[in-house]
């Protein structure tokens, strides 16, 4: 199904992505990763992100807003890159936090992210892929490590995951695997 035309706010880009639960995680022990710490700001669609790299590159900091969309695969997004001082200031806003390690793996010429969650979400592993258009995205074959596609399930959006605990997560995963 083709998504309806998406109204793109000024300065935003359309992000086209699909997400999957990972059933058979590939060996990631020899791969570089980035540790992502997200703060989903209470009462908003805003996210502050700190990224540290396993290969000792300098950290990155971003402030992001994802706009609502009728499409589950395509939505407008704006990122603002921050200094460490700006991030420190914004990281004090009220909200819920998520921490994960993001690995990059290729499959059929595309780069997929594999997110290994920590803390209350430990044990959750998701994979996502982005494409230049919704049509290209929907034509992609899932990688061999992926299981159930969860693109349409709002439970697995970052802001939702940030607000749940281990019990809720396990109950949801158990319900999907029945």
N, C-alpha and C. Protein backbone atom coordinates (compact mmCIF):
# COMPACT_ATOMS: atom_id res chain seq x y z
N UNK A 1 0.84 -1.17 0.00
CA UNK A 1 0.00 0.00 0.00
C UNK A 1 0.89 1.24 0.00
N UNK A 2 0.58 2.17 -0.87
CA UNK A 2 1.34 3.41 -0.97
C UNK A 2 0.89 4.38 0.12
N UNK A 3 1.84 5.00 0.83
CA UNK A 3 1.44 5.98 1.84
C UNK A 3 0.85 7.22 1.16
N UNK A 4 -0.04 7.87 1.88
CA UNK A 4 -0.59 9.13 1.39
C UNK A 4 0.53 10.16 1.29
N UNK A 5 0.32 11.17 0.49
CA UNK A 5 1.31 12.25 0.37
C UNK A 5 1.57 12.82 1.76
N UNK A 6 2.84 12.94 2.11
CA UNK A 6 3.23 13.43 3.43
C UNK A 6 3.59 14.89 3.33
N UNK A 7 2.98 15.70 4.18
CA UNK A 7 3.32 17.12 4.22
C UNK A 7 4.62 17.25 5.00
N UNK A 8 5.63 17.82 4.36
CA UNK A 8 6.93 17.95 4.99
C UNK A 8 7.11 19.36 5.54
N UNK A 9 7.25 19.49 6.87
CA UNK A 9 7.49 20.81 7.44
C UNK A 9 8.80 21.39 6.92
N UNK A 10 8.90 22.70 6.93
CA UNK A 10 10.11 23.38 6.49
C UNK A 10 11.32 22.81 7.23
N UNK A 11 12.40 22.53 6.51
CA UNK A 11 13.67 22.02 7.00
C UNK A 11 13.65 20.52 7.35
N UNK A 12 12.50 19.87 7.26
CA UNK A 12 12.42 18.45 7.57
C UNK A 12 12.74 17.61 6.34
N UNK A 13 13.16 16.38 6.58
CA UNK A 13 13.34 15.39 5.53
C UNK A 13 12.41 14.22 5.83
N UNK A 14 12.07 13.47 4.80
CA UNK A 14 11.26 12.28 5.01
C UNK A 14 12.19 11.12 5.33
N UNK A 15 11.92 10.45 6.44
CA UNK A 15 12.65 9.26 6.83
C UNK A 15 11.77 8.05 6.50
N UNK A 16 12.27 7.18 5.64
CA UNK A 16 11.57 5.96 5.25
C UNK A 16 12.29 4.79 5.90
N UNK A 17 11.60 4.09 6.82
CA UNK A 17 12.26 2.98 7.50
C UNK A 17 11.29 1.86 7.83
N UNK A 18 11.86 0.66 7.91
CA UNK A 18 11.13 -0.53 8.37
C UNK A 18 11.91 -1.11 9.54
N UNK A 19 11.15 -1.73 10.48
CA UNK A 19 11.76 -2.29 11.68
C UNK A 19 11.32 -3.75 11.87
N UNK A 20 12.24 -4.54 12.44
CA UNK A 20 12.00 -5.96 12.65
C UNK A 20 12.51 -6.37 14.02
N UNK A 21 11.82 -7.32 14.66
CA UNK A 21 12.41 -8.01 15.81
C UNK A 21 13.53 -8.89 15.28
N UNK A 22 14.60 -9.01 16.02
CA UNK A 22 15.70 -9.88 15.61
C UNK A 22 15.51 -11.23 16.30
N UNK A 23 15.42 -12.28 15.49
CA UNK A 23 15.26 -13.64 16.02
C UNK A 23 16.59 -14.35 16.16
N UNK A 24 17.43 -14.22 15.16
CA UNK A 24 18.72 -14.92 15.12
C UNK A 24 19.81 -13.87 14.95
N UNK A 25 20.25 -13.32 16.05
CA UNK A 25 21.23 -12.23 15.98
C UNK A 25 22.56 -12.74 15.44
N UNK A 26 23.09 -12.06 14.41
CA UNK A 26 24.41 -12.46 13.92
C UNK A 26 25.47 -12.15 14.98
N UNK A 27 26.63 -12.76 14.83
CA UNK A 27 27.74 -12.50 15.74
C UNK A 27 28.20 -11.06 15.54
N UNK A 28 28.11 -10.27 16.57
CA UNK A 28 28.47 -8.85 16.50
C UNK A 28 29.76 -8.55 17.26
N UNK A 29 30.38 -9.57 17.84
CA UNK A 29 31.50 -9.35 18.74
C UNK A 29 32.71 -8.68 18.09
N UNK A 30 32.87 -8.81 16.80
CA UNK A 30 34.02 -8.21 16.12
C UNK A 30 33.67 -6.91 15.40
N UNK A 31 32.48 -6.40 15.63
CA UNK A 31 32.02 -5.21 14.91
C UNK A 31 32.06 -3.97 15.80
N UNK A 32 32.44 -2.85 15.19
CA UNK A 32 32.33 -1.57 15.90
C UNK A 32 30.85 -1.27 16.13
N UNK A 33 30.59 -0.45 17.09
CA UNK A 33 29.22 -0.06 17.42
C UNK A 33 29.22 1.36 17.93
N UNK A 34 28.04 1.90 18.04
CA UNK A 34 27.86 3.18 18.70
C UNK A 34 26.88 2.97 19.85
N UNK A 35 27.17 3.57 20.97
CA UNK A 35 26.23 3.54 22.09
C UNK A 35 25.36 4.77 21.97
N UNK A 36 24.07 4.53 21.98
CA UNK A 36 23.08 5.61 21.82
C UNK A 36 22.31 5.75 23.11
N UNK A 37 22.30 6.96 23.64
CA UNK A 37 21.50 7.27 24.82
C UNK A 37 20.48 8.32 24.41
N UNK A 38 19.22 7.93 24.45
CA UNK A 38 18.13 8.82 24.04
C UNK A 38 17.33 9.28 25.24
N UNK A 39 16.94 10.54 25.21
CA UNK A 39 16.00 11.10 26.17
C UNK A 39 14.78 11.54 25.37
N UNK A 40 13.64 10.89 25.62
CA UNK A 40 12.38 11.28 24.99
C UNK A 40 11.69 12.26 25.92
N UNK A 41 11.60 13.49 25.48
CA UNK A 41 11.14 14.58 26.34
C UNK A 41 9.63 14.45 26.58
N UNK A 42 9.26 14.47 27.86
CA UNK A 42 7.87 14.33 28.28
C UNK A 42 6.98 15.36 27.60
N UNK A 43 5.83 14.89 27.12
CA UNK A 43 4.82 15.79 26.55
C UNK A 43 5.16 16.33 25.18
N UNK A 44 6.09 15.69 24.48
CA UNK A 44 6.51 16.22 23.18
C UNK A 44 6.90 15.07 22.25
N UNK A 45 7.26 15.41 21.04
CA UNK A 45 7.81 14.46 20.07
C UNK A 45 9.32 14.72 19.91
N UNK A 46 9.95 15.26 20.93
CA UNK A 46 11.36 15.63 20.89
C UNK A 46 12.24 14.55 21.53
N UNK A 47 13.44 14.42 20.99
CA UNK A 47 14.40 13.45 21.50
C UNK A 47 15.79 14.09 21.53
N UNK A 48 16.47 13.99 22.66
CA UNK A 48 17.87 14.38 22.76
C UNK A 48 18.69 13.10 22.70
N UNK A 49 19.74 13.11 21.87
CA UNK A 49 20.53 11.89 21.66
C UNK A 49 22.02 12.16 21.84
N UNK A 50 22.66 11.29 22.62
CA UNK A 50 24.12 11.29 22.75
C UNK A 50 24.63 10.00 22.13
N UNK A 51 25.65 10.11 21.29
CA UNK A 51 26.21 8.95 20.60
C UNK A 51 27.70 8.89 20.91
N UNK A 52 28.13 7.76 21.44
CA UNK A 52 29.56 7.52 21.62
C UNK A 52 29.94 6.31 20.76
N UNK A 53 31.16 6.33 20.25
CA UNK A 53 31.62 5.35 19.28
C UNK A 53 32.65 4.41 19.89
N UNK A 54 32.56 3.14 19.56
CA UNK A 54 33.52 2.15 20.08
C UNK A 54 34.90 2.33 19.48
N UNK A 55 35.00 3.03 18.33
CA UNK A 55 36.30 3.22 17.69
C UNK A 55 36.96 4.54 18.10
N UNK A 56 36.49 5.14 19.18
CA UNK A 56 37.09 6.32 19.81
C UNK A 56 36.91 7.62 19.02
N UNK A 57 36.02 7.64 18.03
CA UNK A 57 35.69 8.92 17.40
C UNK A 57 35.06 9.83 18.45
N UNK A 58 35.10 11.14 18.23
CA UNK A 58 34.45 12.04 19.19
C UNK A 58 32.94 11.79 19.26
N UNK A 59 32.35 12.00 20.41
CA UNK A 59 30.90 11.80 20.54
C UNK A 59 30.12 12.81 19.69
N UNK A 60 28.87 12.44 19.39
CA UNK A 60 27.95 13.33 18.68
C UNK A 60 26.72 13.54 19.54
N UNK A 61 26.10 14.70 19.35
CA UNK A 61 24.90 15.04 20.11
C UNK A 61 23.88 15.63 19.14
N UNK A 62 22.62 15.21 19.30
CA UNK A 62 21.57 15.68 18.40
C UNK A 62 20.29 15.96 19.18
N UNK A 63 19.49 16.82 18.62
CA UNK A 63 18.14 17.06 19.10
C UNK A 63 17.24 16.81 17.90
N UNK A 64 16.21 16.01 18.09
CA UNK A 64 15.41 15.52 16.98
C UNK A 64 13.92 15.71 17.25
N UNK A 65 13.19 15.91 16.16
CA UNK A 65 11.73 15.88 16.23
C UNK A 65 11.23 15.06 15.06
N UNK A 66 10.38 14.08 15.37
CA UNK A 66 9.68 13.31 14.34
C UNK A 66 8.24 13.80 14.34
N UNK A 67 7.78 14.18 13.17
CA UNK A 67 6.43 14.70 13.02
C UNK A 67 5.45 13.56 12.79
N UNK A 68 4.20 13.73 13.21
CA UNK A 68 3.20 12.69 12.97
C UNK A 68 2.95 12.52 11.46
N UNK A 69 2.56 11.32 11.10
CA UNK A 69 2.30 11.00 9.70
C UNK A 69 1.26 9.90 9.63
N UNK A 70 0.50 9.87 8.56
CA UNK A 70 -0.45 8.78 8.34
C UNK A 70 0.26 7.49 7.96
N UNK A 71 1.50 7.59 7.55
CA UNK A 71 2.29 6.44 7.12
C UNK A 71 3.08 5.89 8.30
N UNK A 72 3.14 4.57 8.41
CA UNK A 72 3.96 3.96 9.46
C UNK A 72 5.41 3.79 9.02
N UNK A 73 5.67 3.91 7.71
CA UNK A 73 7.03 3.73 7.21
C UNK A 73 7.73 5.03 6.88
N UNK A 74 6.99 6.10 6.67
CA UNK A 74 7.59 7.37 6.23
C UNK A 74 7.06 8.51 7.08
N UNK A 75 7.99 9.29 7.63
CA UNK A 75 7.58 10.44 8.41
C UNK A 75 8.63 11.53 8.35
N UNK A 76 8.18 12.79 8.46
CA UNK A 76 9.14 13.90 8.47
C UNK A 76 9.94 13.90 9.77
N UNK A 77 11.22 14.27 9.62
CA UNK A 77 12.13 14.30 10.76
C UNK A 77 13.08 15.49 10.60
N UNK A 78 13.41 16.11 11.72
CA UNK A 78 14.39 17.19 11.75
C UNK A 78 15.41 16.87 12.82
N UNK A 79 16.70 17.01 12.48
CA UNK A 79 17.79 16.84 13.43
C UNK A 79 18.57 18.15 13.53
N UNK A 80 18.94 18.48 14.74
CA UNK A 80 19.83 19.62 15.00
C UNK A 80 21.04 19.05 15.71
N UNK A 81 22.22 19.28 15.16
CA UNK A 81 23.45 18.82 15.81
C UNK A 81 23.85 19.81 16.90
N UNK A 82 24.26 19.27 18.04
CA UNK A 82 24.51 20.08 19.23
C UNK A 82 25.97 19.98 19.67
N UNK A 83 26.39 20.97 20.45
CA UNK A 83 27.66 20.86 21.16
C UNK A 83 27.41 20.04 22.43
N UNK A 84 28.47 19.60 23.06
CA UNK A 84 28.33 18.86 24.31
C UNK A 84 27.63 19.71 25.37
N UNK A 85 27.93 21.00 25.39
CA UNK A 85 27.31 21.90 26.37
C UNK A 85 25.81 22.05 26.11
N UNK A 86 25.43 22.17 24.85
CA UNK A 86 24.00 22.27 24.50
C UNK A 86 23.26 20.98 24.88
N UNK A 87 23.89 19.85 24.58
CA UNK A 87 23.28 18.57 24.93
C UNK A 87 23.10 18.47 26.45
N UNK A 88 24.13 18.84 27.20
CA UNK A 88 24.06 18.78 28.66
C UNK A 88 22.87 19.58 29.19
N UNK A 89 22.66 20.74 28.62
CA UNK A 89 21.54 21.58 29.02
C UNK A 89 20.20 20.90 28.71
N UNK A 90 20.05 20.39 27.47
CA UNK A 90 18.79 19.76 27.06
C UNK A 90 18.56 18.42 27.76
N UNK A 91 19.63 17.74 28.15
CA UNK A 91 19.48 16.43 28.78
C UNK A 91 18.86 16.51 30.17
N UNK A 92 18.71 17.72 30.68
CA UNK A 92 18.10 17.91 32.00
C UNK A 92 16.57 18.03 31.90
N UNK A 93 16.03 18.06 30.68
CA UNK A 93 14.58 18.12 30.52
C UNK A 93 13.95 16.84 31.05
N UNK A 94 12.69 16.92 31.51
CA UNK A 94 12.03 15.71 32.01
C UNK A 94 11.70 14.76 30.86
N UNK A 95 11.85 13.48 31.12
CA UNK A 95 11.53 12.50 30.09
C UNK A 95 11.99 11.11 30.47
N UNK A 96 11.86 10.21 29.52
CA UNK A 96 12.25 8.82 29.70
C UNK A 96 13.46 8.51 28.83
N UNK A 97 14.31 7.63 29.35
CA UNK A 97 15.57 7.35 28.67
C UNK A 97 15.63 5.90 28.17
N UNK A 98 16.38 5.75 27.09
CA UNK A 98 16.66 4.43 26.50
C UNK A 98 18.15 4.41 26.16
N UNK A 99 18.76 3.25 26.37
CA UNK A 99 20.18 3.09 26.01
C UNK A 99 20.31 1.81 25.19
N UNK A 100 21.09 1.90 24.11
CA UNK A 100 21.27 0.74 23.24
C UNK A 100 22.62 0.83 22.53
N UNK A 101 23.07 -0.32 22.07
CA UNK A 101 24.24 -0.38 21.20
C UNK A 101 23.72 -0.60 19.78
N UNK A 102 24.22 0.20 18.86
CA UNK A 102 23.79 0.08 17.46
C UNK A 102 24.97 -0.42 16.63
N UNK A 103 24.72 -1.53 15.97
CA UNK A 103 25.68 -2.13 15.06
C UNK A 103 25.17 -1.94 13.63
N UNK A 104 26.08 -1.94 12.69
CA UNK A 104 25.71 -1.83 11.27
C UNK A 104 26.12 -3.11 10.56
N UNK A 105 25.17 -3.68 9.83
CA UNK A 105 25.44 -4.88 9.03
C UNK A 105 24.86 -4.68 7.64
N UNK A 106 25.54 -5.23 6.66
CA UNK A 106 25.05 -5.14 5.28
C UNK A 106 24.32 -6.41 4.90
N UNK A 107 23.29 -6.23 4.07
CA UNK A 107 22.55 -7.33 3.49
C UNK A 107 22.02 -6.86 2.15
N UNK A 108 22.37 -7.58 1.11
CA UNK A 108 21.95 -7.27 -0.26
C UNK A 108 22.21 -5.80 -0.62
N UNK A 109 23.40 -5.31 -0.23
CA UNK A 109 23.83 -3.98 -0.61
C UNK A 109 23.26 -2.84 0.21
N UNK A 110 22.48 -3.15 1.22
CA UNK A 110 21.91 -2.12 2.09
C UNK A 110 22.47 -2.25 3.50
N UNK A 111 22.53 -1.12 4.19
CA UNK A 111 23.01 -1.12 5.57
C UNK A 111 21.81 -1.20 6.51
N UNK A 112 21.84 -2.20 7.36
CA UNK A 112 20.82 -2.39 8.39
C UNK A 112 21.44 -2.06 9.74
N UNK A 113 20.66 -1.44 10.60
CA UNK A 113 21.07 -1.23 11.98
C UNK A 113 20.55 -2.39 12.81
N UNK A 114 21.36 -2.83 13.75
CA UNK A 114 20.92 -3.81 14.74
C UNK A 114 21.11 -3.15 16.09
N UNK A 115 20.00 -2.93 16.78
CA UNK A 115 20.01 -2.25 18.08
C UNK A 115 19.85 -3.27 19.20
N UNK A 116 20.84 -3.32 20.07
CA UNK A 116 20.83 -4.21 21.23
C UNK A 116 20.57 -3.33 22.45
N UNK A 117 19.40 -3.47 23.03
CA UNK A 117 18.98 -2.60 24.12
C UNK A 117 19.57 -3.03 25.45
N UNK A 118 19.69 -2.05 26.35
CA UNK A 118 20.26 -2.28 27.68
C UNK A 118 19.24 -1.89 28.74
N UNK A 119 19.60 -2.09 29.99
CA UNK A 119 18.74 -1.69 31.11
C UNK A 119 17.46 -2.50 31.15
N UNK A 120 16.33 -1.83 31.41
CA UNK A 120 15.04 -2.51 31.52
C UNK A 120 14.65 -3.21 30.23
N UNK A 121 15.21 -2.79 29.11
CA UNK A 121 14.89 -3.39 27.81
C UNK A 121 15.92 -4.44 27.38
N UNK A 122 16.79 -4.82 28.29
CA UNK A 122 17.82 -5.81 27.99
C UNK A 122 17.17 -7.07 27.43
N UNK A 123 17.75 -7.60 26.37
CA UNK A 123 17.20 -8.77 25.70
C UNK A 123 16.45 -8.41 24.43
N UNK A 124 16.03 -7.15 24.30
CA UNK A 124 15.36 -6.70 23.08
C UNK A 124 16.41 -6.36 22.03
N UNK A 125 16.25 -6.93 20.86
CA UNK A 125 17.12 -6.63 19.73
C UNK A 125 16.23 -6.33 18.53
N UNK A 126 16.40 -5.14 17.97
CA UNK A 126 15.64 -4.71 16.80
C UNK A 126 16.58 -4.42 15.65
N UNK A 127 16.07 -4.56 14.45
CA UNK A 127 16.82 -4.21 13.25
C UNK A 127 15.98 -3.24 12.44
N UNK A 128 16.63 -2.27 11.82
CA UNK A 128 15.90 -1.34 10.96
C UNK A 128 16.72 -1.02 9.73
N UNK A 129 16.01 -0.62 8.70
CA UNK A 129 16.65 -0.24 7.45
C UNK A 129 15.93 0.99 6.92
N UNK A 130 16.70 1.87 6.29
CA UNK A 130 16.15 3.07 5.66
C UNK A 130 16.37 2.98 4.16
N UNK A 131 15.49 3.64 3.42
CA UNK A 131 15.62 3.70 1.97
C UNK A 131 15.21 5.09 1.50
N UNK A 132 15.58 5.42 0.28
CA UNK A 132 15.31 6.74 -0.27
C UNK A 132 13.85 7.01 -0.58
N UNK A 133 13.05 5.97 -0.73
CA UNK A 133 11.63 6.15 -1.02
C UNK A 133 10.83 5.04 -0.35
N UNK A 134 9.54 5.29 -0.15
CA UNK A 134 8.66 4.29 0.44
C UNK A 134 8.54 3.07 -0.48
N UNK A 135 8.54 3.30 -1.78
CA UNK A 135 8.43 2.20 -2.73
C UNK A 135 9.64 1.27 -2.63
N UNK A 136 10.84 1.86 -2.61
CA UNK A 136 12.07 1.08 -2.49
C UNK A 136 12.07 0.32 -1.17
N UNK A 137 11.66 1.00 -0.12
CA UNK A 137 11.63 0.40 1.21
C UNK A 137 10.75 -0.85 1.24
N UNK A 138 9.56 -0.76 0.66
CA UNK A 138 8.62 -1.87 0.73
C UNK A 138 9.06 -3.05 -0.14
N UNK A 139 9.92 -2.81 -1.12
CA UNK A 139 10.40 -3.88 -2.00
C UNK A 139 11.57 -4.66 -1.38
N UNK A 140 12.10 -4.19 -0.26
CA UNK A 140 13.26 -4.82 0.36
C UNK A 140 12.91 -6.17 0.98
N UNK A 141 13.80 -7.12 0.82
CA UNK A 141 13.66 -8.41 1.50
C UNK A 141 14.25 -8.27 2.90
N UNK A 142 13.57 -8.77 3.91
CA UNK A 142 14.14 -8.71 5.27
C UNK A 142 15.43 -9.52 5.34
N UNK A 143 16.38 -9.09 6.17
CA UNK A 143 17.63 -9.84 6.32
C UNK A 143 17.39 -11.16 7.05
N UNK A 144 18.31 -12.09 6.94
CA UNK A 144 18.10 -13.41 7.54
C UNK A 144 17.99 -13.40 9.06
N UNK A 145 18.51 -12.39 9.71
CA UNK A 145 18.44 -12.34 11.18
C UNK A 145 17.10 -11.80 11.68
N UNK A 146 16.30 -11.26 10.78
CA UNK A 146 15.05 -10.64 11.23
C UNK A 146 13.95 -11.67 11.41
N UNK A 147 13.06 -11.31 12.30
CA UNK A 147 11.87 -12.11 12.54
C UNK A 147 10.66 -11.29 12.13
N UNK A 148 9.76 -11.16 13.03
CA UNK A 148 8.51 -10.45 12.79
C UNK A 148 8.75 -8.98 12.46
N UNK A 149 8.09 -8.47 11.43
CA UNK A 149 8.17 -7.05 11.14
C UNK A 149 7.28 -6.30 12.12
N UNK A 150 7.83 -5.24 12.71
CA UNK A 150 7.11 -4.47 13.73
C UNK A 150 6.98 -3.00 13.35
N UNK A 151 7.20 -2.70 12.08
CA UNK A 151 7.11 -1.31 11.62
C UNK A 151 5.80 -0.67 12.01
N UNK A 152 4.70 -1.40 11.90
CA UNK A 152 3.36 -0.85 12.15
C UNK A 152 2.96 -0.88 13.63
N UNK A 153 3.81 -1.39 14.49
CA UNK A 153 3.47 -1.55 15.90
C UNK A 153 4.07 -0.41 16.73
N UNK A 154 3.24 0.54 17.13
CA UNK A 154 3.70 1.72 17.88
C UNK A 154 4.37 1.35 19.20
N UNK A 155 4.12 0.15 19.71
CA UNK A 155 4.76 -0.30 20.95
C UNK A 155 6.28 -0.24 20.82
N UNK A 156 6.80 -0.50 19.60
CA UNK A 156 8.24 -0.57 19.39
C UNK A 156 8.85 0.74 18.92
N UNK A 157 8.10 1.84 18.97
CA UNK A 157 8.68 3.15 18.69
C UNK A 157 9.50 3.57 19.91
N UNK A 158 10.56 4.31 19.66
CA UNK A 158 11.49 4.68 20.72
C UNK A 158 10.83 5.34 21.91
N UNK A 159 9.93 6.29 21.67
CA UNK A 159 9.28 6.99 22.77
C UNK A 159 8.45 6.07 23.64
N UNK A 160 7.81 5.08 23.04
CA UNK A 160 7.03 4.10 23.80
C UNK A 160 7.96 3.20 24.60
N UNK A 161 9.00 2.69 23.93
CA UNK A 161 9.94 1.81 24.62
C UNK A 161 10.59 2.49 25.82
N UNK A 162 10.83 3.78 25.71
CA UNK A 162 11.46 4.52 26.80
C UNK A 162 10.59 4.55 28.05
N UNK A 163 9.28 4.38 27.89
CA UNK A 163 8.38 4.48 29.03
C UNK A 163 7.91 3.16 29.59
N UNK A 164 8.46 2.03 29.12
CA UNK A 164 8.00 0.74 29.62
C UNK A 164 9.10 0.04 30.41
N UNK A 165 8.70 -1.00 31.10
CA UNK A 165 9.66 -1.79 31.87
C UNK A 165 9.80 -3.19 31.30
N UNK A 166 10.62 -3.98 31.96
CA UNK A 166 10.93 -5.33 31.49
C UNK A 166 9.69 -6.22 31.46
N UNK A 167 8.81 -6.09 32.43
CA UNK A 167 7.61 -6.94 32.47
C UNK A 167 6.71 -6.66 31.28
N UNK A 168 6.48 -5.38 30.99
CA UNK A 168 5.65 -5.01 29.83
C UNK A 168 6.28 -5.50 28.52
N UNK A 169 7.59 -5.35 28.42
CA UNK A 169 8.28 -5.79 27.22
C UNK A 169 8.13 -7.30 27.02
N UNK A 170 8.38 -8.08 28.06
CA UNK A 170 8.28 -9.53 27.94
C UNK A 170 6.86 -9.97 27.61
N UNK A 171 5.87 -9.31 28.20
CA UNK A 171 4.47 -9.64 27.91
C UNK A 171 4.16 -9.38 26.43
N UNK A 172 4.63 -8.27 25.92
CA UNK A 172 4.39 -7.93 24.51
C UNK A 172 5.06 -8.93 23.59
N UNK A 173 6.31 -9.24 23.84
CA UNK A 173 7.04 -10.19 22.99
C UNK A 173 6.40 -11.56 23.06
N UNK A 174 5.99 -11.99 24.23
CA UNK A 174 5.32 -13.28 24.37
C UNK A 174 4.02 -13.31 23.57
N UNK A 175 3.27 -12.22 23.59
CA UNK A 175 2.01 -12.17 22.85
C UNK A 175 2.24 -12.24 21.35
N UNK A 176 3.35 -11.72 20.87
CA UNK A 176 3.65 -11.75 19.45
C UNK A 176 4.12 -13.11 18.98
N UNK A 177 4.70 -13.87 19.85
CA UNK A 177 5.29 -15.17 19.47
C UNK A 177 4.32 -16.33 19.70
N UNK A 178 3.08 -16.05 20.06
CA UNK A 178 2.10 -17.12 20.26
C UNK A 178 1.62 -17.64 18.94
